[in-house]
Every structure is written in structure tokens, then in C-alpha cells.
């Protein structure tokens, strides 16, 4: 699978990888009124990512997840 990423001098958009799950989950938990469920467990997210390659992305400012 080809990895997709977009870079400029401030931000990087890259495909969501399971290695980033913990930091992504922390961001999700910090979002007011966002409901999380068993569907958001590591196992279910990994299955989703494998089933839907190239459809989920993360946004980074340096080494900080911002979206």
C-alpha cells in the first residue's frame, strides 16, 4: 500500500496508522461532546483501517497531533 502524505513548512497530513492510535484516542477524548464507543477500540479501529485504506488521515504540526 502506498502511503499518502502532504507536507508544507508547518503541517503534515498523513494516513492514520495504528502506531498513532494512542495519541489520536487522547485527542478524541479531549473533544467536547464527542461520544466514543466500543467501535473506537484499538481492535475495531485497526479492522476499519485495514478494510478502508486511504480514507482516514491525521494532521500534525511538527510532532504534535492537531487533527
Protein backbone atom coordinates (compact mmCIF):
# COMPACT_ATOMS: atom_id res chain seq x y z
CA UNK A 1 0.00 0.00 0.00
CA UNK A 2 1.28 3.43 -0.91
CA UNK A 3 1.35 5.91 1.97
CA UNK A 4 -0.30 9.25 1.33
CA UNK A 5 1.05 12.39 2.95
CA UNK A 6 1.01 16.12 2.29
CA UNK A 7 3.62 18.43 3.76
CA UNK A 8 4.20 22.13 3.98
CA UNK A 9 6.54 24.03 6.27
CA UNK A 10 4.09 23.94 9.20
CA UNK A 11 1.81 20.94 8.85
CA UNK A 12 1.77 17.36 7.65
CA UNK A 13 -1.32 15.40 6.70
CA UNK A 14 -0.74 11.67 6.68
CA UNK A 15 -2.67 8.45 6.62
CA UNK A 16 -3.88 7.29 10.04
CA UNK A 17 -1.65 4.43 11.20
CA UNK A 18 -2.19 2.28 14.26
CA UNK A 19 1.13 3.44 15.71
CA UNK A 20 -0.66 6.78 16.27
CA UNK A 21 -3.77 5.29 17.89
CA UNK A 22 -2.98 6.31 21.50
CA UNK A 23 -2.39 9.96 20.67
CA UNK A 24 -5.42 10.03 18.32
CA UNK A 25 -7.61 8.47 21.02
CA UNK A 26 -6.40 11.09 23.50
CA UNK A 27 -7.35 13.82 21.05
CA UNK A 28 -10.79 12.26 20.54
CA UNK A 29 -11.31 12.13 24.32
CA UNK A 30 -10.47 15.83 24.59
CA UNK A 31 -13.20 16.85 22.12
CA UNK A 32 -16.23 18.17 23.94
CA UNK A 33 -19.47 16.29 23.23
CA UNK A 34 -17.75 13.63 21.12
CA UNK A 35 -19.17 10.23 22.03
CA UNK A 36 -16.80 7.29 21.89
CA UNK A 37 -17.87 3.65 21.88
CA UNK A 38 -16.55 0.12 21.54
CA UNK A 39 -16.24 0.91 17.81
CA UNK A 40 -13.33 3.16 18.76
CA UNK A 41 -11.34 0.39 20.48
CA UNK A 42 -7.88 -0.33 19.08
CA UNK A 43 -9.04 -3.64 17.60
CA UNK A 44 -12.05 -2.13 15.86
CA UNK A 45 -10.14 0.89 14.58
CA UNK A 46 -7.45 -1.40 13.20
CA UNK A 47 -10.06 -3.51 11.40
CA UNK A 48 -11.63 -0.33 9.98
CA UNK A 49 -8.28 0.97 8.74
CA UNK A 50 -7.43 -2.35 7.09
CA UNK A 51 -10.86 -2.50 5.45
CA UNK A 52 -10.75 1.14 4.28
CA UNK A 53 -7.19 2.03 3.31
CA UNK A 54 -6.55 5.63 2.34
CA UNK A 55 -9.73 7.02 3.92
CA UNK A 56 -8.51 8.15 7.37
CA UNK A 57 -5.92 10.83 7.98
CA UNK A 58 -4.17 12.66 10.80
CA UNK A 59 -2.91 16.24 10.85
CA UNK A 60 0.38 17.11 12.54
CA UNK A 61 2.13 20.33 13.45
CA UNK A 62 5.68 19.16 13.98
CA UNK A 63 5.36 16.16 16.27
CA UNK A 64 2.03 17.33 17.75
CA UNK A 65 -1.27 15.85 16.58
CA UNK A 66 -3.68 18.65 15.75
CA UNK A 67 -6.41 16.83 13.85
